[in-house]
Amino acid sequence: TGSSALVAADALVLQAASSVAFETKTMRPRTTFDLQTLLPTNITCTVEEAHVGNALFTLSPTLKDACSARWRVHSLTCDVLVHAHEGPDCSELVKFRSINDDCTVDMIILHRRPRSKH
């Protein structure tokens, strides 16, 4: 998750894996995926997914409040959670951490704060 989630996934994982995966055909490009719910609702919660080998990456720049329960259920089986963020507003990180409140899961936080022009 995070404002830089798609860029970070491309730069750190997907781009590096694409040259190897091209030869082995173990990588599928990013696709959209709707998080499922059993409750009747008109709200769709669309994320992106990418497969590299046996690893599945679920990507979303933001977490809509209405989608937080679906995200929590979907991410319960994740081995590692990653939040990539740019800028001073950390509200998405706070939301991400409150949704994913398992203190034993490995979490990586990437943060980039642009330099001041002064």
C-alpha atoms as a PDB file:
ATOM      1  CA  THR A   1       0.000   0.000   0.000  1.00  0.00           C
ATOM      2  CA  GLY A   2       0.984   3.643  -0.044  1.00  0.00           C
ATOM      3  CA  SER A   3       1.301   6.519  -2.455  1.00  0.00           C
ATOM      4  CA  SER A   4       4.451   4.962  -3.944  1.00  0.00           C
ATOM      5  CA  ALA A   5       3.294   1.329  -3.796  1.00  0.00           C
ATOM      6  CA  LEU A   6       3.075   0.770  -7.544  1.00  0.00           C
ATOM      7  CA  VAL A   7       6.380   2.512  -8.268  1.00  0.00           C
ATOM      8  CA  ALA A   8       8.179   0.658  -5.459  1.00  0.00           C
ATOM      9  CA  ALA A   9       6.822  -2.725  -6.554  1.00  0.00           C
ATOM     10  CA  ASP A  10       7.893  -2.067 -10.135  1.00  0.00           C
ATOM     11  CA  ALA A  11      11.351  -0.816  -9.205  1.00  0.00           C
ATOM     12  CA  LEU A  12      12.244  -3.227  -6.404  1.00  0.00           C
ATOM     13  CA  VAL A  13      10.522  -6.473  -7.344  1.00  0.00           C
ATOM     14  CA  LEU A  14       8.725  -6.655 -10.654  1.00  0.00           C
ATOM     15  CA  GLN A  15      11.321  -4.971 -12.887  1.00  0.00           C
ATOM     16  CA  ALA A  16      14.159  -7.003 -11.394  1.00  0.00           C
ATOM     17  CA  ALA A  17      12.192 -10.217 -11.798  1.00  0.00           C
ATOM     18  CA  SER A  18      11.016  -9.476 -15.329  1.00  0.00           C
ATOM     19  CA  SER A  19      14.321 -10.334 -17.019  1.00  0.00           C
ATOM     20  CA  VAL A  20      14.530 -13.703 -15.258  1.00  0.00           C
ATOM     21  CA  ALA A  21      10.806 -14.362 -15.593  1.00  0.00           C
ATOM     22  CA  PHE A  22      10.907 -13.611 -19.314  1.00  0.00           C
ATOM     23  CA  GLU A  23      13.045 -16.684 -19.808  1.00  0.00           C
ATOM     24  CA  THR A  24      11.177 -18.911 -17.347  1.00  0.00           C
ATOM     25  CA  LYS A  25       7.649 -17.540 -17.971  1.00  0.00           C
ATOM     26  CA  THR A  26       6.993 -17.343 -14.206  1.00  0.00           C
ATOM     27  CA  MET A  27       5.848 -13.727 -14.143  1.00  0.00           C
ATOM     28  CA  ARG A  28       2.456 -12.407 -15.127  1.00  0.00           C
ATOM     29  CA  PRO A  29       1.898  -8.676 -15.621  1.00  0.00           C
ATOM     30  CA  ARG A  30      -0.081  -6.674 -13.111  1.00  0.00           C
ATOM     31  CA  THR A  31      -3.821  -7.219 -13.332  1.00  0.00           C
ATOM     32  CA  THR A  32      -6.757  -5.668 -11.530  1.00  0.00           C
ATOM     33  CA  PHE A  33      -8.567  -7.682  -8.902  1.00  0.00           C
ATOM     34  CA  ASP A  34     -11.740  -6.935  -6.949  1.00  0.00           C
ATOM     35  CA  LEU A  35     -11.558  -7.816  -3.260  1.00  0.00           C
ATOM     36  CA  GLN A  36     -14.549 -10.049  -2.575  1.00  0.00           C
ATOM     37  CA  THR A  37     -17.211  -9.693   0.096  1.00  0.00           C
ATOM     38  CA  LEU A  38     -20.186 -11.817   1.089  1.00  0.00           C
ATOM     39  CA  LEU A  39     -22.145  -8.743   2.155  1.00  0.00           C
ATOM     40  CA  PRO A  40     -24.503  -7.072  -0.309  1.00  0.00           C
ATOM     41  CA  THR A  41     -22.860  -3.804  -1.348  1.00  0.00           C
ATOM     42  CA  ASN A  42     -22.428  -1.511  -4.333  1.00  0.00           C
ATOM     43  CA  ILE A  43     -18.882  -0.592  -3.316  1.00  0.00           C
ATOM     44  CA  THR A  44     -16.086  -2.176  -5.320  1.00  0.00           C
ATOM     45  CA  CYS A  45     -12.625  -2.480  -3.881  1.00  0.00           C
ATOM     46  CA  THR A  46     -10.191  -2.846  -6.748  1.00  0.00           C
ATOM     47  CA  VAL A  47      -6.496  -3.561  -6.215  1.00  0.00           C
ATOM     48  CA  GLU A  48      -3.733  -4.762  -8.509  1.00  0.00           C
ATOM     49  CA  GLU A  49      -2.015  -8.117  -8.349  1.00  0.00           C
ATOM     50  CA  ALA A  50       1.223  -9.422  -9.800  1.00  0.00           C
ATOM     51  CA  HIS A  51       2.631 -12.937  -9.722  1.00  0.00           C
ATOM     52  CA  VAL A  52       6.354 -13.634  -9.716  1.00  0.00           C
ATOM     53  CA  GLY A  53       7.136 -17.324  -9.378  1.00  0.00           C
ATOM     54  CA  ASN A  54       5.145 -18.542  -6.375  1.00  0.00           C
ATOM     55  CA  ALA A  55       4.885 -15.068  -4.847  1.00  0.00           C
ATOM     56  CA  LEU A  56       1.743 -12.968  -5.121  1.00  0.00           C
ATOM     57  CA  PHE A  57       1.909  -9.196  -4.725  1.00  0.00           C
ATOM     58  CA  THR A  58      -1.289  -7.275  -3.951  1.00  0.00           C
ATOM     59  CA  LEU A  59      -0.896  -3.561  -4.629  1.00  0.00           C
ATOM     60  CA  SER A  60      -3.007  -0.562  -3.729  1.00  0.00           C
ATOM     61  CA  PRO A  61      -1.941   3.096  -3.474  1.00  0.00           C
ATOM     62  CA  THR A  62      -4.768   3.852  -1.028  1.00  0.00           C
ATOM     63  CA  LEU A  63      -7.084   1.958   1.297  1.00  0.00           C
ATOM     64  CA  LYS A  64     -10.644   3.232   1.121  1.00  0.00           C
ATOM     65  CA  ASP A  65     -12.340   3.136   4.515  1.00  0.00           C
ATOM     66  CA  ALA A  66     -15.183   1.087   3.014  1.00  0.00           C
ATOM     67  CA  CYS A  67     -12.638  -1.491   1.822  1.00  0.00           C
ATOM     68  CA  SER A  68     -10.606  -1.862   5.017  1.00  0.00           C
ATOM     69  CA  ALA A  69     -12.344  -5.049   6.206  1.00  0.00           C
ATOM     70  CA  ARG A  70     -11.840  -6.718   2.823  1.00  0.00           C
ATOM     71  CA  TRP A  71      -8.196  -5.657   2.754  1.00  0.00           C
ATOM     72  CA  ARG A  72      -7.666  -7.047   6.253  1.00  0.00           C
ATOM     73  CA  VAL A  73      -9.129 -10.443   5.337  1.00  0.00           C
ATOM     74  CA  HIS A  74      -7.204 -10.576   2.058  1.00  0.00           C
ATOM     75  CA  SER A  75      -3.897  -9.677   3.712  1.00  0.00           C
ATOM     76  CA  LEU A  76      -4.170 -12.103   6.656  1.00  0.00           C
ATOM     77  CA  THR A  77      -2.189 -14.739   4.751  1.00  0.00           C
ATOM     78  CA  CYS A  78       0.614 -12.365   3.735  1.00  0.00           C
ATOM     79  CA  ASP A  79       4.100 -13.229   4.923  1.00  0.00           C
ATOM     80  CA  VAL A  80       5.377  -9.664   4.541  1.00  0.00           C
ATOM     81  CA  LEU A  81       3.517  -6.358   4.398  1.00  0.00           C
ATOM     82  CA  VAL A  82       5.044  -3.392   2.581  1.00  0.00           C
ATOM     83  CA  HIS A  83       4.008   0.249   2.707  1.00  0.00           C
ATOM     84  CA  ALA A  84       5.756   2.643   0.309  1.00  0.00           C
ATOM     85  CA  HIS A  85       5.066   6.301   0.974  1.00  0.00           C
ATOM     86  CA  GLU A  86       6.205   9.657  -0.318  1.00  0.00           C
ATOM     87  CA  GLY A  87       5.711  12.990   1.398  1.00  0.00           C
ATOM     88  CA  PRO A  88       4.915  14.252   4.894  1.00  0.00           C
ATOM     89  CA  ASP A  89       1.303  12.979   5.195  1.00  0.00           C
ATOM     90  CA  CYS A  90       1.403   9.607   6.962  1.00  0.00           C
ATOM     91  CA  SER A  91      -2.350   9.079   7.319  1.00  0.00           C
ATOM     92  CA  GLU A  92      -2.329   6.102   4.909  1.00  0.00           C
ATOM     93  CA  LEU A  93       0.445   4.469   6.948  1.00  0.00           C
ATOM     94  CA  VAL A  94      -1.552   4.923  10.153  1.00  0.00           C
ATOM     95  CA  LYS A  95      -4.632   3.433   8.470  1.00  0.00           C
ATOM     96  CA  PHE A  96      -2.566   0.557   7.026  1.00  0.00           C
ATOM     97  CA  ARG A  97      -1.095  -0.252  10.447  1.00  0.00           C
ATOM     98  CA  SER A  98      -4.452  -0.072  12.230  1.00  0.00           C
ATOM     99  CA  ILE A  99      -5.999  -2.460   9.681  1.00  0.00           C
ATOM    100  CA  ASN A 100      -3.039  -4.842   9.780  1.00  0.00           C
ATOM    101  CA  ASP A 101      -2.621  -5.025  13.544  1.00  0.00           C
ATOM    102  CA  ASP A 102      -0.773  -8.356  13.727  1.00  0.00           C
ATOM    103  CA  CYS A 103       2.389  -7.396  15.590  1.00  0.00           C
ATOM    104  CA  THR A 104       4.174 -10.600  14.561  1.00  0.00           C
ATOM    105  CA  VAL A 105       3.981 -10.045  10.792  1.00  0.00           C
ATOM    106  CA  ASP A 106       7.092  -8.727   9.039  1.00  0.00           C
ATOM    107  CA  MET A 107       6.559  -5.183   7.802  1.00  0.00           C
ATOM    108  CA  ILE A 108       8.691  -3.060   5.528  1.00  0.00           C
ATOM    109  CA  ILE A 109       8.100   0.684   5.353  1.00  0.00           C
ATOM    110  CA  LEU A 110       9.663   2.685   2.538  1.00  0.00           C
ATOM    111  CA  HIS A 111       9.506   6.466   2.908  1.00  0.00           C
ATOM    112  CA  ARG A 112      10.777   9.204   0.678  1.00  0.00           C
ATOM    113  CA  ARG A 113      10.540  12.813   1.695  1.00  0.00           C
ATOM    114  CA  PRO A 114      11.333  15.201  -1.152  1.00  0.00           C
ATOM    115  CA  ARG A 115      14.056  17.679  -0.332  1.00  0.00           C
ATOM    116  CA  SER A 116      13.114  21.262   0.355  1.00  0.00           C
ATOM    117  CA  LYS A 117      13.822  23.645  -2.500  1.00  0.00           C
ATOM    118  CA  HIS A 118      15.036  26.321  -0.089  1.00  0.00           C
END
